[in-house]
Amino acid sequence: MHTVLGAAGALDFVAAVLALERQIILPTINLQVPDPECDLDYVSCHARTGVDLSAVMSSSFAFGGTNAVLICRKVIG
């Protein structure tokens, strides 16, 4: 079971790095109708393209206090 949880975090980080490489923002899954009183820049239903990303973050929180946050940034030059 722990291997599967670790693999899920690794897969999430791979998706984040690919989003940085391809300059897209992945949508929040199952967000159909954002709360109008919560003024955030939601990305729902479809990925957003044509953005200028310089960094991405992947956070994984598992059972037993196994937590990790990874940040990847674009290196220019």
PDB file of N, CA and C in Angstrom:
ATOM      1  N   MET A   1       0.819  -1.192   0.000  1.00  0.00           N
ATOM      2  CA  MET A   1       0.000   0.000   0.000  1.00  0.00           C
ATOM      3  C   MET A   1       0.864   1.258   0.000  1.00  0.00           C
ATOM      4  N   HIS A   2       1.961   1.271   0.795  1.00  0.00           N
ATOM      5  CA  HIS A   2       2.809   2.456   0.841  1.00  0.00           C
ATOM      6  C   HIS A   2       3.467   2.731  -0.505  1.00  0.00           C
ATOM      7  N   THR A   3       3.782   1.698  -1.256  1.00  0.00           N
ATOM      8  CA  THR A   3       4.377   1.870  -2.572  1.00  0.00           C
ATOM      9  C   THR A   3       3.419   2.587  -3.500  1.00  0.00           C
ATOM     10  N   VAL A   4       2.154   2.232  -3.435  1.00  0.00           N
ATOM     11  CA  VAL A   4       1.147   2.867  -4.285  1.00  0.00           C
ATOM     12  C   VAL A   4       1.018   4.338  -3.919  1.00  0.00           C
ATOM     13  N   LEU A   5       0.995   4.661  -2.629  1.00  0.00           N
ATOM     14  CA  LEU A   5       0.895   6.058  -2.214  1.00  0.00           C
ATOM     15  C   LEU A   5       2.108   6.853  -2.664  1.00  0.00           C
ATOM     16  N   GLY A   6       3.288   6.263  -2.557  1.00  0.00           N
ATOM     17  CA  GLY A   6       4.493   6.934  -3.022  1.00  0.00           C
ATOM     18  C   GLY A   6       4.480   7.158  -4.517  1.00  0.00           C
ATOM     19  N   ALA A   7       3.976   6.195  -5.242  1.00  0.00           N
ATOM     20  CA  ALA A   7       3.885   6.316  -6.692  1.00  0.00           C
ATOM     21  C   ALA A   7       2.896   7.409  -7.087  1.00  0.00           C
ATOM     22  N   ALA A   8       1.831   7.583  -6.331  1.00  0.00           N
ATOM     23  CA  ALA A   8       0.851   8.630  -6.627  1.00  0.00           C
ATOM     24  C   ALA A   8       1.502  10.005  -6.508  1.00  0.00           C
ATOM     25  N   GLY A   9       2.325  10.200  -5.479  1.00  0.00           N
ATOM     26  CA  GLY A   9       3.028  11.465  -5.321  1.00  0.00           C
ATOM     27  C   GLY A   9       4.013  11.713  -6.441  1.00  0.00           C
ATOM     28  N   ALA A  10       4.713  10.668  -6.858  1.00  0.00           N
ATOM     29  CA  ALA A  10       5.672  10.789  -7.959  1.00  0.00           C
ATOM     30  C   ALA A  10       4.948  11.127  -9.265  1.00  0.00           C
ATOM     31  N   LEU A  11       3.817  10.500  -9.493  1.00  0.00           N
ATOM     32  CA  LEU A  11       3.040  10.774 -10.699  1.00  0.00           C
ATOM     33  C   LEU A  11       2.529  12.212 -10.706  1.00  0.00           C
ATOM     34  N   ASP A  12       2.108  12.709  -9.548  1.00  0.00           N
ATOM     35  CA  ASP A  12       1.652  14.091  -9.441  1.00  0.00           C
ATOM     36  C   ASP A  12       2.795  15.052  -9.779  1.00  0.00           C
ATOM     37  N   PHE A  13       4.008  14.765  -9.299  1.00  0.00           N
ATOM     38  CA  PHE A  13       5.145  15.626  -9.594  1.00  0.00           C
ATOM     39  C   PHE A  13       5.495  15.591 -11.078  1.00  0.00           C
ATOM     40  N   VAL A  14       5.415  14.426 -11.697  1.00  0.00           N
ATOM     41  CA  VAL A  14       5.665  14.315 -13.141  1.00  0.00           C
ATOM     42  C   VAL A  14       4.660  15.167 -13.906  1.00  0.00           C
ATOM     43  N   ALA A  15       3.391  15.121 -13.517  1.00  0.00           N
ATOM     44  CA  ALA A  15       2.360  15.939 -14.176  1.00  0.00           C
ATOM     45  C   ALA A  15       2.665  17.426 -14.008  1.00  0.00           C
ATOM     46  N   ALA A  16       3.136  17.822 -12.827  1.00  0.00           N
ATOM     47  CA  ALA A  16       3.473  19.225 -12.582  1.00  0.00           C
ATOM     48  C   ALA A  16       4.645  19.671 -13.460  1.00  0.00           C
ATOM     49  N   VAL A  17       5.671  18.840 -13.565  1.00  0.00           N
ATOM     50  CA  VAL A  17       6.839  19.185 -14.387  1.00  0.00           C
ATOM     51  C   VAL A  17       6.448  19.251 -15.860  1.00  0.00           C
ATOM     52  N   LEU A  18       5.608  18.346 -16.314  1.00  0.00           N
ATOM     53  CA  LEU A  18       5.137  18.397 -17.706  1.00  0.00           C
ATOM     54  C   LEU A  18       4.301  19.644 -17.962  1.00  0.00           C
ATOM     55  N   ALA A  19       3.506  20.058 -16.981  1.00  0.00           N
ATOM     56  CA  ALA A  19       2.728  21.290 -17.119  1.00  0.00           C
ATOM     57  C   ALA A  19       3.665  22.486 -17.255  1.00  0.00           C
ATOM     58  N   LEU A  20       4.743  22.495 -16.480  1.00  0.00           N
ATOM     59  CA  LEU A  20       5.734  23.574 -16.583  1.00  0.00           C
ATOM     60  C   LEU A  20       6.401  23.557 -17.954  1.00  0.00           C
ATOM     61  N   GLU A  21       6.774  22.377 -18.398  1.00  0.00           N
ATOM     62  CA  GLU A  21       7.433  22.244 -19.702  1.00  0.00           C
ATOM     63  C   GLU A  21       6.525  22.695 -20.846  1.00  0.00           C
ATOM     64  N   ARG A  22       5.248  22.360 -20.750  1.00  0.00           N
ATOM     65  CA  ARG A  22       4.292  22.664 -21.828  1.00  0.00           C
ATOM     66  C   ARG A  22       3.547  23.975 -21.615  1.00  0.00           C
ATOM     67  N   GLN A  23       3.824  24.642 -20.476  1.00  0.00           N
ATOM     68  CA  GLN A  23       3.208  25.935 -20.165  1.00  0.00           C
ATOM     69  C   GLN A  23       1.679  25.873 -20.163  1.00  0.00           C
ATOM     70  N   ILE A  24       1.157  24.922 -19.382  1.00  0.00           N
ATOM     71  CA  ILE A  24      -0.291  24.813 -19.197  1.00  0.00           C
ATOM     72  C   ILE A  24      -0.591  24.701 -17.705  1.00  0.00           C
ATOM     73  N   ILE A  25      -1.792  25.105 -17.341  1.00  0.00           N
ATOM     74  CA  ILE A  25      -2.261  24.930 -15.962  1.00  0.00           C
ATOM     75  C   ILE A  25      -3.338  23.860 -15.989  1.00  0.00           C
ATOM     76  N   LEU A  26      -3.113  22.807 -15.245  1.00  0.00           N
ATOM     77  CA  LEU A  26      -4.069  21.706 -15.214  1.00  0.00           C
ATOM     78  C   LEU A  26      -5.306  22.111 -14.413  1.00  0.00           C
ATOM     79  N   PRO A  27      -6.477  21.609 -14.788  1.00  0.00           N
ATOM     80  CA  PRO A  27      -7.698  21.994 -14.083  1.00  0.00           C
ATOM     81  C   PRO A  27      -7.848  21.290 -12.735  1.00  0.00           C
ATOM     82  N   THR A  28      -8.638  21.899 -11.874  1.00  0.00           N
ATOM     83  CA  THR A  28      -9.018  21.281 -10.611  1.00  0.00           C
ATOM     84  C   THR A  28     -10.123  20.281 -10.912  1.00  0.00           C
ATOM     85  N   ILE A  29      -9.865  19.016 -10.620  1.00  0.00           N
ATOM     86  CA  ILE A  29     -10.829  17.974 -10.941  1.00  0.00           C
ATOM     87  C   ILE A  29     -12.125  18.149 -10.137  1.00  0.00           C
ATOM     88  N   ASN A  30     -13.238  17.883 -10.771  1.00  0.00           N
ATOM     89  CA  ASN A  30     -14.583  17.921 -10.179  1.00  0.00           C
ATOM     90  C   ASN A  30     -15.029  19.307  -9.730  1.00  0.00           C
ATOM     91  N   LEU A  31     -14.380  20.361 -10.179  1.00  0.00           N
ATOM     92  CA  LEU A  31     -14.837  21.716  -9.872  1.00  0.00           C
ATOM     93  C   LEU A  31     -15.747  22.165 -11.009  1.00  0.00           C
ATOM     94  N   GLN A  32     -17.027  22.038 -10.797  1.00  0.00           N
ATOM     95  CA  GLN A  32     -18.006  22.395 -11.821  1.00  0.00           C
ATOM     96  C   GLN A  32     -18.487  23.836 -11.668  1.00  0.00           C
ATOM     97  N   VAL A  33     -18.838  24.205 -10.425  1.00  0.00           N
ATOM     98  CA  VAL A  33     -19.390  25.537 -10.168  1.00  0.00           C
ATOM     99  C   VAL A  33     -18.623  26.164  -9.003  1.00  0.00           C
ATOM    100  N   PRO A  34     -17.709  27.098  -9.286  1.00  0.00           N
ATOM    101  CA  PRO A  34     -16.974  27.760  -8.209  1.00  0.00           C
ATOM    102  C   PRO A  34     -17.906  28.620  -7.355  1.00  0.00           C
ATOM    103  N   ASP A  35     -17.576  28.787  -6.104  1.00  0.00           N
ATOM    104  CA  ASP A  35     -18.338  29.631  -5.191  1.00  0.00           C
ATOM    105  C   ASP A  35     -18.136  31.089  -5.601  1.00  0.00           C
ATOM    106  N   PRO A  36     -19.198  31.801  -5.937  1.00  0.00           N
ATOM    107  CA  PRO A  36     -19.045  33.189  -6.381  1.00  0.00           C
ATOM    108  C   PRO A  36     -18.501  34.112  -5.287  1.00  0.00           C
ATOM    109  N   GLU A  37     -18.615  33.721  -4.029  1.00  0.00           N
ATOM    110  CA  GLU A  37     -18.117  34.553  -2.931  1.00  0.00           C
ATOM    111  C   GLU A  37     -16.626  34.327  -2.654  1.00  0.00           C
ATOM    112  N   CYS A  38     -16.040  33.346  -3.318  1.00  0.00           N
ATOM    113  CA  CYS A  38     -14.610  33.059  -3.140  1.00  0.00           C
ATOM    114  C   CYS A  38     -13.888  33.524  -4.405  1.00  0.00           C
ATOM    115  N   ASP A  39     -13.284  34.683  -4.330  1.00  0.00           N
ATOM    116  CA  ASP A  39     -12.693  35.333  -5.493  1.00  0.00           C
ATOM    117  C   ASP A  39     -11.283  34.806  -5.773  1.00  0.00           C
ATOM    118  N   LEU A  40     -11.208  33.627  -6.397  1.00  0.00           N
ATOM    119  CA  LEU A  40      -9.935  33.030  -6.784  1.00  0.00           C
ATOM    120  C   LEU A  40      -9.923  32.794  -8.283  1.00  0.00           C
ATOM    121  N   ASP A  41      -8.763  32.683  -8.848  1.00  0.00           N
ATOM    122  CA  ASP A  41      -8.615  32.405 -10.275  1.00  0.00           C
ATOM    123  C   ASP A  41      -8.669  30.894 -10.480  1.00  0.00           C
ATOM    124  N   TYR A  42      -9.881  30.355 -10.540  1.00  0.00           N
ATOM    125  CA  TYR A  42     -10.071  28.922 -10.694  1.00  0.00           C
ATOM    126  C   TYR A  42      -9.756  28.475 -12.109  1.00  0.00           C
ATOM    127  N   VAL A  43      -9.275  27.249 -12.234  1.00  0.00           N
ATOM    128  CA  VAL A  43      -9.120  26.606 -13.535  1.00  0.00           C
ATOM    129  C   VAL A  43      -9.970  25.346 -13.452  1.00  0.00           C
ATOM    130  N   SER A  44     -11.177  25.421 -13.988  1.00  0.00           N
ATOM    131  CA  SER A  44     -12.085  24.279 -13.891  1.00  0.00           C
ATOM    132  C   SER A  44     -12.381  23.709 -15.275  1.00  0.00           C
ATOM    133  N   CYS A  45     -12.661  22.449 -15.307  1.00  0.00           N
ATOM    134  CA  CYS A  45     -13.100  21.699 -16.497  1.00  0.00           C
ATOM    135  C   CYS A  45     -12.013  21.454 -17.542  1.00  0.00           C
ATOM    136  N   HIS A  46     -11.307  22.487 -17.979  1.00  0.00           N
ATOM    137  CA  HIS A  46     -10.314  22.331 -19.046  1.00  0.00           C
ATOM    138  C   HIS A  46      -9.010  23.021 -18.659  1.00  0.00           C
ATOM    139  N   ALA A  47      -7.912  22.484 -19.130  1.00  0.00           N
ATOM    140  CA  ALA A  47      -6.598  23.081 -18.869  1.00  0.00           C
ATOM    141  C   ALA A  47      -6.522  24.471 -19.495  1.00  0.00           C
ATOM    142  N   ARG A  48      -5.716  25.327 -18.898  1.00  0.00           N
ATOM    143  CA  ARG A  48      -5.506  26.674 -19.432  1.00  0.00           C
ATOM    144  C   ARG A  48      -4.158  26.691 -20.142  1.00  0.00           C
ATOM    145  N   THR A  49      -4.171  27.103 -21.385  1.00  0.00           N
ATOM    146  CA  THR A  49      -2.948  27.158 -22.185  1.00  0.00           C
ATOM    147  C   THR A  49      -2.539  28.614 -22.399  1.00  0.00           C
ATOM    148  N   GLY A  50      -1.359  28.799 -22.950  1.00  0.00           N
ATOM    149  CA  GLY A  50      -0.896  30.150 -23.253  1.00  0.00           C
ATOM    150  C   GLY A  50      -0.525  30.953 -22.023  1.00  0.00           C
ATOM    151  N   VAL A  51      -0.063  30.277 -20.990  1.00  0.00           N
ATOM    152  CA  VAL A  51       0.335  30.956 -19.756  1.00  0.00           C
ATOM    153  C   VAL A  51       1.855  31.011 -19.686  1.00  0.00           C
ATOM    154  N   ASP A  52       2.384  31.852 -18.815  1.00  0.00           N
ATOM    155  CA  ASP A  52       3.825  31.960 -18.638  1.00  0.00           C
ATOM    156  C   ASP A  52       4.170  31.470 -17.233  1.00  0.00           C
ATOM    157  N   LEU A  53       4.383  30.175 -17.103  1.00  0.00           N
ATOM    158  CA  LEU A  53       4.738  29.596 -15.809  1.00  0.00           C
ATOM    159  C   LEU A  53       6.238  29.639 -15.604  1.00  0.00           C
ATOM    160  N   SER A  54       6.649  29.968 -14.388  1.00  0.00           N
ATOM    161  CA  SER A  54       8.075  29.929 -14.079  1.00  0.00           C
ATOM    162  C   SER A  54       8.383  28.865 -13.028  1.00  0.00           C
ATOM    163  N   ALA A  55       7.336  28.379 -12.328  1.00  0.00           N
ATOM    164  CA  ALA A  55       7.538  27.345 -11.314  1.00  0.00           C
ATOM    165  C   ALA A  55       6.235  26.581 -11.096  1.00  0.00           C
ATOM    166  N   VAL A  56       6.376  25.356 -10.579  1.00  0.00           N
ATOM    167  CA  VAL A  56       5.219  24.538 -10.205  1.00  0.00           C
ATOM    168  C   VAL A  56       5.483  23.911  -8.843  1.00  0.00           C
ATOM    169  N   MET A  57       4.406  23.536  -8.167  1.00  0.00           N
ATOM    170  CA  MET A  57       4.527  22.902  -6.863  1.00  0.00           C
ATOM    171  C   MET A  57       3.638  21.669  -6.819  1.00  0.00           C
ATOM    172  N   SER A  58       4.154  20.613  -6.233  1.00  0.00           N
ATOM    173  CA  SER A  58       3.410  19.373  -6.043  1.00  0.00           C
ATOM    174  C   SER A  58       3.463  19.027  -4.562  1.00  0.00           C
ATOM    175  N   SER A  59       2.297  18.856  -3.952  1.00  0.00           N
ATOM    176  CA  SER A  59       2.271  18.501  -2.533  1.00  0.00           C
ATOM    177  C   SER A  59       1.592  17.148  -2.363  1.00  0.00           C
ATOM    178  N   SER A  60       2.176  16.323  -1.507  1.00  0.00           N
ATOM    179  CA  SER A  60       1.651  14.986  -1.234  1.00  0.00           C
ATOM    180  C   SER A  60       1.579  14.783   0.270  1.00  0.00           C
ATOM    181  N   PHE A  61       0.414  14.426   0.743  1.00  0.00           N
ATOM    182  CA  PHE A  61       0.194  14.194   2.165  1.00  0.00           C
ATOM    183  C   PHE A  61      -0.386  12.800   2.317  1.00  0.00           C
ATOM    184  N   ALA A  62       0.299  11.937   3.052  1.00  0.00           N
ATOM    185  CA  ALA A  62      -0.106  10.539   3.165  1.00  0.00           C
ATOM    186  C   ALA A  62      -0.366  10.167   4.612  1.00  0.00           C
ATOM    187  N   PHE A  63      -0.759   8.934   4.801  1.00  0.00           N
ATOM    188  CA  PHE A  63      -1.037   8.414   6.131  1.00  0.00           C
ATOM    189  C   PHE A  63       0.249   8.323   6.949  1.00  0.00           C
ATOM    190  N   GLY A  64       0.140   8.501   8.234  1.00  0.00           N
ATOM    191  CA  GLY A  64       1.286   8.338   9.113  1.00  0.00           C
ATOM    192  C   GLY A  64       2.244   9.514   9.116  1.00  0.00           C
ATOM    193  N   GLY A  65       1.818  10.648   8.582  1.00  0.00           N
ATOM    194  CA  GLY A  65       2.663  11.833   8.616  1.00  0.00           C
ATOM    195  C   GLY A  65       3.726  11.891   7.546  1.00  0.00           C
ATOM    196  N   THR A  66       3.597  11.086   6.508  1.00  0.00           N
ATOM    197  CA  THR A  66       4.548  11.123   5.397  1.00  0.00           C
ATOM    198  C   THR A  66       4.102  12.221   4.443  1.00  0.00           C
ATOM    199  N   ASN A  67       4.761  13.361   4.521  1.00  0.00           N
ATOM    200  CA  ASN A  67       4.362  14.524   3.735  1.00  0.00           C
ATOM    201  C   ASN A  67       5.546  15.045   2.929  1.00  0.00           C
ATOM    202  N   ALA A  68       5.262  15.565   1.750  1.00  0.00           N
ATOM    203  CA  ALA A  68       6.325  16.125   0.920  1.00  0.00           C
ATOM    204  C   ALA A  68       5.766  17.229   0.041  1.00  0.00           C
ATOM    205  N   VAL A  69       6.548  18.253  -0.155  1.00  0.00           N
ATOM    206  CA  VAL A  69       6.225  19.317  -1.101  1.00  0.00           C
ATOM    207  C   VAL A  69       7.457  19.507  -1.976  1.00  0.00           C
ATOM    208  N   LEU A  70       7.264  19.406  -3.289  1.00  0.00           N
ATOM    209  CA  LEU A  70       8.364  19.581  -4.241  1.00  0.00           C
ATOM    210  C   LEU A  70       8.059  20.775  -5.129  1.00  0.00           C
ATOM    211  N   ILE A  71       9.067  21.597  -5.365  1.00  0.00           N
ATOM    212  CA  ILE A  71       8.929  22.759  -6.231  1.00  0.00           C
ATOM    213  C   ILE A  71       9.959  22.634  -7.336  1.00  0.00           C
ATOM    214  N   CYS A  72       9.513  22.894  -8.552  1.00  0.00           N
ATOM    215  CA  CYS A  72      10.397  22.848  -9.713  1.00  0.00           C
ATOM    216  C   CYS A  72      10.262  24.182 -10.439  1.00  0.00           C
ATOM    217  N   ARG A  73      11.392  24.768 -10.799  1.00  0.00           N
ATOM    218  CA  ARG A  73      11.316  26.033 -11.518  1.00  0.00           C
ATOM    219  C   ARG A  73      12.062  25.929 -12.839  1.00  0.00           C
ATOM    220  N   LYS A  74      11.649  26.777 -13.747  1.00  0.00           N
ATOM    221  CA  LYS A  74      12.243  26.822 -15.072  1.00  0.00           C
ATOM    222  C   LYS A  74      13.577  27.552 -14.986  1.00  0.00           C
ATOM    223  N   VAL A  75      14.608  26.967 -15.581  1.00  0.00           N
ATOM    224  CA  VAL A  75      15.929  27.598 -15.605  1.00  0.00           C
ATOM    225  C   VAL A  75      16.110  28.192 -16.982  1.00  0.00           C
ATOM    226  N   ILE A  76      16.416  29.476 -17.015  1.00  0.00           N
ATOM    227  CA  ILE A  76      16.586  30.184 -18.285  1.00  0.00           C
ATOM    228  C   ILE A  76      18.071  30.397 -18.522  1.00  0.00           C
ATOM    229  N   GLY A  77      18.481  30.063 -19.741  1.00  0.00           N
ATOM    230  CA  GLY A  77      19.874  30.335 -20.095  1.00  0.00           C
ATOM    231  C   GLY A  77      20.717  29.163 -20.343  1.00  0.00           C
TER     232      GLY A  77
END
